[in-house]
Amino acid sequence: MTLQEFYARVGGDYNATLSRLPSEALVKKFIMKYPGDPSFAQLKDALAAQDWELAFRASHTLKGVAQNLGMDRLYKAAAALCDAVRGPKPLEDESLWPPVLAAHEEVLAAIREL
């Protein structure tokens, strides 16, 4: 799979990402590091523990990583969840979590094909 195909699959903007990062090699390098980023696991654990402060921090970090790497579907899902627990306050709309999980899994599956 090419990087352009990766971005099409994860709902991202290849050209916008290349405008932020100077080369395709650097973009791929950072994408390949995404599976090791702890923010998704921290978010999942924080939601399970109802630790809203940690849920906010983890979702904010995940949102930033996804935005910087141009993974737009994951970014939008994480941003919605982040806004819901901002304050920090309890997550009242549990339907915000499944899109984050789905987008994260989509990114991981696409990375395995790079």
Protein backbone atom coordinates (compact mmCIF):
# COMPACT_ATOMS: atom_id res chain seq x y z
CA MET A 1 0.00 0.00 0.00
CA THR A 2 1.28 3.48 -0.82
CA LEU A 3 0.99 6.41 1.55
CA GLN A 4 -1.64 7.94 -0.71
CA GLU A 5 -3.67 4.73 -0.46
CA PHE A 6 -3.14 4.72 3.32
CA TYR A 7 -4.58 8.22 3.60
CA ALA A 8 -7.53 7.37 1.38
CA ARG A 9 -8.26 4.36 3.58
CA VAL A 10 -8.10 6.22 6.91
CA GLY A 11 -9.99 9.26 5.68
CA GLY A 12 -6.95 11.53 5.65
CA ASP A 13 -5.50 14.19 3.41
CA TYR A 14 -2.16 13.05 1.99
CA ASN A 15 -1.29 16.43 0.47
CA ALA A 16 -2.14 18.40 3.61
CA THR A 17 0.02 16.07 5.68
CA LEU A 18 2.93 16.47 3.28
CA SER A 19 2.56 20.24 3.59
CA ARG A 20 3.21 19.92 7.37
CA LEU A 21 5.97 17.33 7.25
CA PRO A 22 8.85 17.83 4.83
CA SER A 23 9.02 14.41 3.16
CA GLU A 24 7.07 11.24 2.50
CA ALA A 25 9.80 9.26 4.30
CA LEU A 26 9.27 11.32 7.46
CA VAL A 27 5.49 10.96 7.24
CA LYS A 28 5.83 7.19 6.94
CA LYS A 29 8.35 7.08 9.79
CA PHE A 30 5.90 8.81 12.16
CA ILE A 31 2.93 6.76 10.96
CA MET A 32 4.84 3.57 11.70
CA LYS A 33 5.42 4.82 15.25
CA TYR A 34 1.70 5.35 15.87
CA PRO A 35 1.03 1.80 17.17
CA GLY A 36 3.51 2.47 19.99
CA ASP A 37 1.84 5.71 21.07
CA PRO A 38 0.31 5.16 24.54
CA SER A 39 -2.51 7.73 24.31
CA PHE A 40 -5.17 5.34 22.94
CA ALA A 41 -4.54 2.74 25.67
CA GLN A 42 -4.51 5.47 28.30
CA LEU A 43 -7.84 6.78 27.01
CA LYS A 44 -9.41 3.32 27.00
CA ASP A 45 -8.22 2.65 30.56
CA ALA A 46 -9.28 6.10 31.78
CA LEU A 47 -12.78 5.67 30.39
CA ALA A 48 -13.09 2.25 32.03
CA ALA A 49 -11.92 3.71 35.36
CA GLN A 50 -14.05 6.84 34.92
CA ASP A 51 -10.90 8.93 35.43
CA TRP A 52 -12.16 11.99 33.55
CA GLU A 53 -9.02 14.06 33.99
CA LEU A 54 -6.86 11.34 32.45
CA ALA A 55 -9.53 10.72 29.80
CA PHE A 56 -9.33 14.36 28.80
CA ARG A 57 -5.52 14.39 28.66
CA ALA A 58 -5.32 11.13 26.74
CA SER A 59 -8.04 12.10 24.26
CA HIS A 60 -6.38 15.48 23.76
CA THR A 61 -3.05 13.80 23.04
CA LEU A 62 -4.64 11.27 20.70
CA LYS A 63 -6.45 14.08 18.91
CA GLY A 64 -3.17 15.95 18.42
CA VAL A 65 -1.27 12.91 17.17
CA ALA A 66 -4.05 12.08 14.72
CA GLN A 67 -4.26 15.67 13.51
CA ASN A 68 -0.50 16.03 13.04
CA LEU A 69 -0.36 12.77 11.09
CA GLY A 70 -3.40 13.66 8.97
CA MET A 71 -5.55 10.77 10.17
CA ASP A 72 -8.70 12.86 9.91
CA ARG A 73 -11.34 10.29 10.87
CA LEU A 74 -9.45 9.44 14.07
CA TYR A 75 -8.82 13.12 14.73
CA LYS A 76 -12.50 14.04 14.43
CA ALA A 77 -13.66 11.16 16.62
CA ALA A 78 -11.04 11.90 19.29
CA ALA A 79 -11.84 15.62 19.17
CA ALA A 80 -15.55 14.98 19.81
CA LEU A 81 -14.74 12.74 22.77
CA CYS A 82 -12.14 15.21 24.05
CA ASP A 83 -14.68 18.03 24.00
CA ALA A 84 -17.17 15.85 25.89
CA VAL A 85 -14.78 15.23 28.80
CA ARG A 86 -13.20 18.69 28.80
CA GLY A 87 -13.27 20.29 32.18
CA PRO A 88 -12.79 17.45 33.13
CA LYS A 89 -16.34 16.19 33.26
CA PRO A 90 -17.91 12.73 33.01
CA LEU A 91 -18.57 11.24 29.61
CA GLU A 92 -22.34 11.48 29.30
CA ASP A 93 -22.59 10.39 25.67
CA GLU A 94 -21.04 6.93 25.52
CA SER A 95 -21.73 6.79 21.78
CA LEU A 96 -18.62 8.97 21.31
CA TRP A 97 -16.27 6.08 22.17
CA PRO A 98 -17.09 3.55 19.38
CA PRO A 99 -16.05 5.91 16.55
CA VAL A 100 -12.67 6.47 18.27
CA LEU A 101 -12.17 2.73 18.66
CA ALA A 102 -13.22 2.06 15.04
CA ALA A 103 -10.96 4.78 13.62
CA HIS A 104 -8.03 3.57 15.73
CA GLU A 105 -8.52 -0.02 14.52
CA GLU A 106 -8.83 1.24 10.94
CA VAL A 107 -5.50 3.07 11.25
CA LEU A 108 -3.77 0.03 12.76
CA ALA A 109 -5.08 -2.24 9.99
CA ALA A 110 -3.89 0.18 7.32
CA ILE A 111 -0.46 0.50 8.97
CA ARG A 112 -0.06 -3.27 8.84
CA GLU A 113 -0.44 -3.02 5.06
CA LEU A 114 2.11 -0.25 4.56
